[in-house]
Structure formats: structure tokens, C-alpha cells
N, C-alpha and C. Protein backbone atom coordinates (compact mmCIF):
# COMPACT_ATOMS: atom_id res chain seq x y z
N MET A 1 -30.08 -107.55 -10.68
CA MET A 1 -31.01 -106.72 -11.42
C MET A 1 -31.19 -107.31 -12.82
N LYS A 2 -32.42 -107.56 -13.18
CA LYS A 2 -32.72 -108.12 -14.50
C LYS A 2 -32.86 -106.97 -15.50
N ILE A 3 -32.17 -107.10 -16.62
CA ILE A 3 -32.20 -106.10 -17.68
C ILE A 3 -32.81 -106.73 -18.92
N ILE A 4 -33.82 -106.05 -19.49
CA ILE A 4 -34.39 -106.49 -20.76
C ILE A 4 -33.97 -105.44 -21.80
N PHE A 5 -33.38 -105.93 -22.87
CA PHE A 5 -32.95 -105.08 -23.98
C PHE A 5 -33.94 -105.28 -25.11
N ILE A 6 -34.73 -104.26 -25.38
CA ILE A 6 -35.75 -104.36 -26.42
C ILE A 6 -35.21 -103.65 -27.66
N GLU A 7 -35.13 -104.42 -28.75
CA GLU A 7 -34.48 -103.91 -29.95
C GLU A 7 -35.18 -104.36 -31.23
N TYR A 8 -34.81 -103.67 -32.30
CA TYR A 8 -35.12 -104.12 -33.65
C TYR A 8 -33.76 -104.47 -34.24
N PRO A 9 -33.46 -105.76 -34.46
CA PRO A 9 -32.10 -106.18 -34.83
C PRO A 9 -31.49 -105.49 -36.05
N LYS A 10 -32.31 -105.04 -36.98
CA LYS A 10 -31.78 -104.38 -38.18
C LYS A 10 -31.44 -102.91 -37.95
N CYS A 11 -31.82 -102.38 -36.82
CA CYS A 11 -31.58 -100.98 -36.47
C CYS A 11 -30.12 -100.78 -36.07
N SER A 12 -29.42 -99.87 -36.75
CA SER A 12 -27.99 -99.66 -36.48
C SER A 12 -27.76 -99.12 -35.07
N THR A 13 -28.65 -98.30 -34.57
CA THR A 13 -28.51 -97.79 -33.20
C THR A 13 -28.66 -98.94 -32.20
N CYS A 14 -29.59 -99.85 -32.46
CA CYS A 14 -29.77 -101.02 -31.59
C CYS A 14 -28.51 -101.89 -31.60
N GLN A 15 -27.94 -102.07 -32.79
CA GLN A 15 -26.73 -102.89 -32.91
C GLN A 15 -25.59 -102.27 -32.11
N LYS A 16 -25.45 -100.96 -32.21
CA LYS A 16 -24.40 -100.23 -31.47
C LYS A 16 -24.63 -100.36 -29.96
N ALA A 17 -25.88 -100.23 -29.53
CA ALA A 17 -26.22 -100.33 -28.11
C ALA A 17 -25.96 -101.74 -27.58
N LYS A 18 -26.32 -102.74 -28.37
CA LYS A 18 -26.11 -104.13 -27.96
C LYS A 18 -24.62 -104.42 -27.80
N LYS A 19 -23.84 -103.93 -28.74
CA LYS A 19 -22.39 -104.11 -28.68
C LYS A 19 -21.84 -103.43 -27.41
N TRP A 20 -22.36 -102.26 -27.09
CA TRP A 20 -21.94 -101.53 -25.89
C TRP A 20 -22.22 -102.36 -24.63
N LEU A 21 -23.42 -102.95 -24.57
CA LEU A 21 -23.78 -103.80 -23.42
C LEU A 21 -22.81 -104.98 -23.30
N GLU A 22 -22.52 -105.61 -24.44
CA GLU A 22 -21.64 -106.78 -24.44
C GLU A 22 -20.21 -106.40 -24.03
N ILE A 23 -19.69 -105.31 -24.56
CA ILE A 23 -18.34 -104.85 -24.21
C ILE A 23 -18.24 -104.55 -22.72
N ASN A 24 -19.32 -104.02 -22.16
CA ASN A 24 -19.33 -103.65 -20.74
C ASN A 24 -19.80 -104.79 -19.83
N ASN A 25 -19.89 -105.99 -20.39
CA ASN A 25 -20.26 -107.19 -19.62
C ASN A 25 -21.56 -107.03 -18.84
N ILE A 26 -22.54 -106.44 -19.49
CA ILE A 26 -23.85 -106.27 -18.86
C ILE A 26 -24.76 -107.38 -19.37
N GLN A 27 -25.23 -108.19 -18.45
CA GLN A 27 -26.11 -109.31 -18.80
C GLN A 27 -27.51 -108.76 -19.11
N PHE A 28 -28.11 -109.28 -20.14
CA PHE A 28 -29.45 -108.83 -20.50
C PHE A 28 -30.22 -109.93 -21.21
N GLU A 29 -31.52 -109.77 -21.16
CA GLU A 29 -32.43 -110.65 -21.90
C GLU A 29 -32.83 -109.87 -23.15
N ASP A 30 -32.69 -110.48 -24.31
CA ASP A 30 -32.98 -109.83 -25.59
C ASP A 30 -34.47 -109.99 -25.94
N ARG A 31 -35.08 -108.94 -26.44
CA ARG A 31 -36.48 -109.01 -26.86
C ARG A 31 -36.65 -108.22 -28.16
N HIS A 32 -37.22 -108.86 -29.15
CA HIS A 32 -37.44 -108.27 -30.47
C HIS A 32 -38.70 -107.41 -30.40
N ILE A 33 -38.57 -106.12 -30.73
CA ILE A 33 -39.67 -105.17 -30.57
C ILE A 33 -40.87 -105.43 -31.49
N ILE A 34 -40.64 -106.14 -32.60
CA ILE A 34 -41.74 -106.45 -33.51
C ILE A 34 -42.42 -107.77 -33.11
N GLU A 35 -41.61 -108.77 -32.81
CA GLU A 35 -42.17 -110.08 -32.42
C GLU A 35 -42.85 -110.02 -31.06
N GLU A 36 -42.34 -109.19 -30.17
CA GLU A 36 -42.92 -109.03 -28.83
C GLU A 36 -43.06 -107.55 -28.52
N THR A 37 -43.98 -106.92 -29.23
CA THR A 37 -44.23 -105.49 -29.04
C THR A 37 -44.68 -105.24 -27.60
N PRO A 38 -44.12 -104.21 -26.95
CA PRO A 38 -44.59 -103.89 -25.59
C PRO A 38 -46.10 -103.69 -25.58
N THR A 39 -46.73 -104.23 -24.56
CA THR A 39 -48.19 -104.12 -24.42
C THR A 39 -48.56 -102.76 -23.83
N ALA A 40 -49.83 -102.41 -23.94
CA ALA A 40 -50.31 -101.16 -23.35
C ALA A 40 -50.06 -101.16 -21.84
N GLU A 41 -50.26 -102.32 -21.20
CA GLU A 41 -50.02 -102.41 -19.75
C GLU A 41 -48.55 -102.17 -19.41
N GLU A 42 -47.65 -102.77 -20.18
CA GLU A 42 -46.22 -102.55 -19.96
C GLU A 42 -45.89 -101.07 -20.13
N LEU A 43 -46.38 -100.48 -21.21
CA LEU A 43 -46.09 -99.07 -21.49
C LEU A 43 -46.61 -98.16 -20.38
N LYS A 44 -47.78 -98.48 -19.83
CA LYS A 44 -48.32 -97.67 -18.73
C LYS A 44 -47.40 -97.69 -17.51
N GLN A 45 -46.72 -98.80 -17.30
CA GLN A 45 -45.76 -98.90 -16.19
C GLN A 45 -44.43 -98.25 -16.56
N TRP A 46 -43.98 -98.48 -17.76
CA TRP A 46 -42.65 -98.06 -18.16
C TRP A 46 -42.51 -96.57 -18.43
N ILE A 47 -43.51 -95.94 -19.03
CA ILE A 47 -43.38 -94.53 -19.40
C ILE A 47 -43.06 -93.66 -18.18
N PRO A 48 -43.77 -93.81 -17.05
CA PRO A 48 -43.39 -93.01 -15.87
C PRO A 48 -41.97 -93.31 -15.36
N LEU A 49 -41.55 -94.59 -15.45
CA LEU A 49 -40.20 -94.97 -15.00
C LEU A 49 -39.11 -94.36 -15.87
N SER A 50 -39.44 -94.01 -17.10
CA SER A 50 -38.44 -93.43 -18.01
C SER A 50 -38.19 -91.95 -17.68
N GLU A 51 -39.13 -91.37 -16.95
CA GLU A 51 -39.07 -89.93 -16.62
C GLU A 51 -39.04 -89.08 -17.89
N LYS A 52 -39.64 -89.60 -18.94
CA LYS A 52 -39.72 -88.86 -20.21
C LYS A 52 -41.18 -88.70 -20.61
N ASP A 53 -41.44 -87.66 -21.36
CA ASP A 53 -42.76 -87.41 -21.89
C ASP A 53 -43.11 -88.52 -22.88
N ILE A 54 -44.36 -88.87 -22.97
CA ILE A 54 -44.79 -89.95 -23.86
C ILE A 54 -44.40 -89.66 -25.32
N LYS A 55 -44.36 -88.39 -25.70
CA LYS A 55 -43.98 -88.03 -27.08
C LYS A 55 -42.58 -88.55 -27.41
N SER A 56 -41.68 -88.57 -26.43
CA SER A 56 -40.31 -89.01 -26.70
C SER A 56 -40.22 -90.53 -26.90
N TRP A 57 -41.32 -91.24 -26.67
CA TRP A 57 -41.37 -92.69 -26.90
C TRP A 57 -41.64 -93.02 -28.37
N PHE A 58 -42.04 -92.02 -29.15
CA PHE A 58 -42.34 -92.28 -30.56
C PHE A 58 -41.08 -92.19 -31.41
N ASN A 59 -40.95 -93.13 -32.34
CA ASN A 59 -39.85 -93.16 -33.29
C ASN A 59 -40.18 -92.16 -34.39
N THR A 60 -39.87 -90.89 -34.14
CA THR A 60 -40.27 -89.81 -35.05
C THR A 60 -39.56 -89.85 -36.39
N SER A 61 -38.47 -90.60 -36.49
CA SER A 61 -37.78 -90.70 -37.79
C SER A 61 -38.23 -91.93 -38.57
N GLY A 62 -39.15 -92.70 -38.00
CA GLY A 62 -39.61 -93.92 -38.66
C GLY A 62 -40.59 -93.67 -39.79
N LEU A 63 -40.58 -94.58 -40.74
CA LEU A 63 -41.48 -94.47 -41.90
C LEU A 63 -42.94 -94.53 -41.48
N LYS A 64 -43.24 -95.40 -40.52
CA LYS A 64 -44.63 -95.58 -40.06
C LYS A 64 -45.15 -94.28 -39.43
N TYR A 65 -44.30 -93.66 -38.61
CA TYR A 65 -44.66 -92.39 -37.94
C TYR A 65 -45.03 -91.35 -39.00
N LYS A 66 -44.20 -91.27 -40.03
CA LYS A 66 -44.43 -90.28 -41.09
C LYS A 66 -45.65 -90.64 -41.93
N ALA A 67 -45.80 -91.94 -42.24
CA ALA A 67 -46.94 -92.39 -43.06
C ALA A 67 -48.27 -92.11 -42.38
N LEU A 68 -48.29 -92.23 -41.05
CA LEU A 68 -49.52 -91.99 -40.30
C LEU A 68 -49.73 -90.52 -39.97
N ASN A 69 -48.78 -89.68 -40.40
CA ASN A 69 -48.85 -88.24 -40.15
C ASN A 69 -49.01 -87.93 -38.65
N LEU A 70 -48.24 -88.62 -37.84
CA LEU A 70 -48.39 -88.49 -36.39
C LEU A 70 -47.91 -87.16 -35.85
N LYS A 71 -47.04 -86.50 -36.57
CA LYS A 71 -46.59 -85.17 -36.12
C LYS A 71 -47.80 -84.25 -35.94
N GLU A 72 -48.76 -84.38 -36.85
CA GLU A 72 -49.98 -83.57 -36.80
C GLU A 72 -51.01 -84.13 -35.81
N LYS A 73 -51.10 -85.46 -35.74
CA LYS A 73 -52.16 -86.10 -34.96
C LYS A 73 -51.89 -86.21 -33.46
N LEU A 74 -50.61 -86.43 -33.08
CA LEU A 74 -50.30 -86.66 -31.66
C LEU A 74 -50.79 -85.57 -30.72
N PRO A 75 -50.62 -84.28 -31.06
CA PRO A 75 -51.07 -83.25 -30.12
C PRO A 75 -52.56 -83.32 -29.77
N GLU A 76 -53.34 -83.90 -30.67
CA GLU A 76 -54.80 -84.00 -30.46
C GLU A 76 -55.21 -85.26 -29.69
N MET A 77 -54.28 -86.20 -29.53
CA MET A 77 -54.61 -87.49 -28.93
C MET A 77 -54.47 -87.47 -27.41
N THR A 78 -55.27 -88.31 -26.76
CA THR A 78 -55.14 -88.47 -25.31
C THR A 78 -53.95 -89.39 -25.01
N GLU A 79 -53.50 -89.40 -23.78
CA GLU A 79 -52.39 -90.28 -23.41
C GLU A 79 -52.78 -91.74 -23.63
N GLU A 80 -54.01 -92.09 -23.32
CA GLU A 80 -54.51 -93.46 -23.52
C GLU A 80 -54.44 -93.85 -24.99
N GLU A 81 -54.84 -92.95 -25.88
CA GLU A 81 -54.79 -93.22 -27.32
C GLU A 81 -53.34 -93.39 -27.79
N LYS A 82 -52.44 -92.58 -27.27
CA LYS A 82 -51.02 -92.67 -27.64
C LYS A 82 -50.44 -94.01 -27.20
N ILE A 83 -50.79 -94.45 -25.99
CA ILE A 83 -50.30 -95.73 -25.49
C ILE A 83 -50.83 -96.88 -26.36
N LYS A 84 -52.11 -96.84 -26.68
CA LYS A 84 -52.69 -97.89 -27.55
C LYS A 84 -52.00 -97.91 -28.91
N LEU A 85 -51.69 -96.75 -29.44
CA LEU A 85 -51.02 -96.65 -30.74
C LEU A 85 -49.61 -97.24 -30.65
N LEU A 86 -48.86 -96.89 -29.63
CA LEU A 86 -47.52 -97.44 -29.45
C LEU A 86 -47.57 -98.96 -29.32
N ALA A 87 -48.53 -99.46 -28.57
CA ALA A 87 -48.66 -100.91 -28.35
C ALA A 87 -49.11 -101.65 -29.62
N SER A 88 -49.66 -100.93 -30.57
CA SER A 88 -50.18 -101.56 -31.79
C SER A 88 -49.08 -101.91 -32.80
N ASP A 89 -47.91 -101.27 -32.68
CA ASP A 89 -46.86 -101.49 -33.68
C ASP A 89 -45.50 -101.11 -33.10
N GLY A 90 -44.64 -102.09 -32.94
CA GLY A 90 -43.31 -101.86 -32.38
C GLY A 90 -42.47 -100.87 -33.17
N MET A 91 -42.75 -100.72 -34.47
CA MET A 91 -41.98 -99.79 -35.29
C MET A 91 -42.27 -98.33 -34.93
N LEU A 92 -43.33 -98.08 -34.18
CA LEU A 92 -43.63 -96.71 -33.76
C LEU A 92 -42.85 -96.32 -32.50
N ILE A 93 -42.26 -97.30 -31.82
CA ILE A 93 -41.58 -97.05 -30.56
C ILE A 93 -40.11 -96.74 -30.78
N LYS A 94 -39.64 -95.68 -30.15
CA LYS A 94 -38.21 -95.34 -30.21
C LYS A 94 -37.44 -96.48 -29.57
N ARG A 95 -36.32 -96.82 -30.18
CA ARG A 95 -35.55 -97.95 -29.70
C ARG A 95 -34.08 -97.61 -29.73
N PRO A 96 -33.28 -98.40 -29.05
CA PRO A 96 -33.63 -99.53 -28.18
C PRO A 96 -34.18 -99.05 -26.84
N LEU A 97 -34.73 -100.01 -26.09
CA LEU A 97 -35.19 -99.75 -24.73
C LEU A 97 -34.40 -100.63 -23.77
N ILE A 98 -34.05 -100.07 -22.64
CA ILE A 98 -33.51 -100.85 -21.53
C ILE A 98 -34.60 -100.83 -20.47
N VAL A 99 -35.02 -102.01 -20.06
CA VAL A 99 -36.06 -102.12 -19.04
C VAL A 99 -35.45 -102.81 -17.82
N SER A 100 -35.49 -102.12 -16.69
CA SER A 100 -35.05 -102.71 -15.43
C SER A 100 -36.10 -102.42 -14.38
N ASP A 101 -35.86 -102.88 -13.17
CA ASP A 101 -36.86 -102.71 -12.11
C ASP A 101 -37.13 -101.26 -11.75
N ASP A 102 -36.10 -100.43 -11.87
CA ASP A 102 -36.24 -99.06 -11.36
C ASP A 102 -36.12 -97.97 -12.41
N LYS A 103 -35.80 -98.33 -13.64
CA LYS A 103 -35.56 -97.31 -14.66
C LYS A 103 -35.77 -97.88 -16.05
N ILE A 104 -36.20 -97.02 -16.96
CA ILE A 104 -36.34 -97.37 -18.38
C ILE A 104 -35.51 -96.36 -19.16
N LEU A 105 -34.63 -96.87 -20.01
CA LEU A 105 -33.86 -95.99 -20.89
C LEU A 105 -34.44 -96.10 -22.29
N VAL A 106 -34.70 -94.95 -22.91
CA VAL A 106 -35.33 -94.90 -24.23
C VAL A 106 -34.32 -94.35 -25.22
N GLY A 107 -33.98 -95.14 -26.24
CA GLY A 107 -32.97 -94.72 -27.20
C GLY A 107 -31.59 -94.98 -26.62
N PHE A 108 -30.56 -94.85 -27.45
CA PHE A 108 -29.20 -95.10 -26.99
C PHE A 108 -28.42 -93.80 -26.93
N LYS A 109 -28.25 -93.31 -25.70
CA LYS A 109 -27.38 -92.18 -25.44
C LYS A 109 -26.29 -92.72 -24.53
N GLU A 110 -25.09 -92.89 -25.07
CA GLU A 110 -24.03 -93.59 -24.35
C GLU A 110 -23.76 -92.99 -22.97
N GLN A 111 -23.74 -91.68 -22.85
CA GLN A 111 -23.46 -91.06 -21.55
C GLN A 111 -24.54 -91.43 -20.52
N GLU A 112 -25.78 -91.40 -20.95
CA GLU A 112 -26.90 -91.76 -20.06
C GLU A 112 -26.78 -93.23 -19.63
N TRP A 113 -26.41 -94.09 -20.55
CA TRP A 113 -26.25 -95.51 -20.24
C TRP A 113 -25.08 -95.72 -19.28
N LYS A 114 -23.96 -95.01 -19.52
CA LYS A 114 -22.80 -95.11 -18.63
C LYS A 114 -23.18 -94.72 -17.20
N GLU A 115 -23.90 -93.62 -17.08
CA GLU A 115 -24.32 -93.15 -15.75
C GLU A 115 -25.23 -94.18 -15.09
N TYR A 116 -26.16 -94.71 -15.85
CA TYR A 116 -27.09 -95.68 -15.26
C TYR A 116 -26.37 -96.95 -14.82
N PHE A 117 -25.50 -97.45 -15.65
CA PHE A 117 -24.81 -98.71 -15.34
C PHE A 117 -23.52 -98.49 -14.56
N ASN A 118 -23.24 -97.24 -14.17
CA ASN A 118 -22.05 -96.89 -13.39
C ASN A 118 -20.77 -97.36 -14.03
N LYS A 119 -20.63 -97.10 -15.31
CA LYS A 119 -19.42 -97.53 -16.02
C LYS A 119 -18.48 -96.35 -16.22
């Protein structure tokens, strides 16, 4: 199973998640969320695999989210508009992401990761 770890290296949660993967000997391909922002096509595939609402894909504590006043704007936007917005800037996406063939993990919740990786 190929695992892609999508992160922002300066993010402390991403650093903690990466360390967790390494400690648990989980092989992964690293991808920088700013240099290689997920595309709209990728997001259209991944969001359903995450089994999470598209709103949970937004980095609500991020400066960009707040600067764009997305708390007010998101409820008015279509799903297509939300996907285009996420694809436009990696800093808007909650991180880290684990991308595999059958599941997408959004954010680092250690218990959820343990269950997924059977650790």
C-alpha cells in the first residue's frame, strides 16, 4: 500500500505526525502542501474517501482562512467553489493528510491513525 504524507514542514502537528510514522516504521512518500498543492481533481477523489464533510478539510485556525473571512463565506459557497478554493492555496487545507488507496486521513489524531495502520 502506497502512503503519501502531505505536510507543511513548519507545522508542529505535521512534525509530530511525521515522527509518529517514522517511529511506527510506516513507509511514506513526502509531499509539501505548498509546493505541490492538491489539485481540484485530487480533492474530488479524496474528500469522499475521507468520509468527512468538506468543511473539515479547511484549516480553520489558519491565518489565510481568517483573512478571507471564510467562516462567513463557506456556508454560501457550492461544493465546487469550496474545492476550487482549497486547490488554490495549500495553506487553506487542514494538515497533515495521509493519502492511500482506500482512505484519506485529515489532520493528526493519533488514535485514528493507530486504528488505520493497525498499530
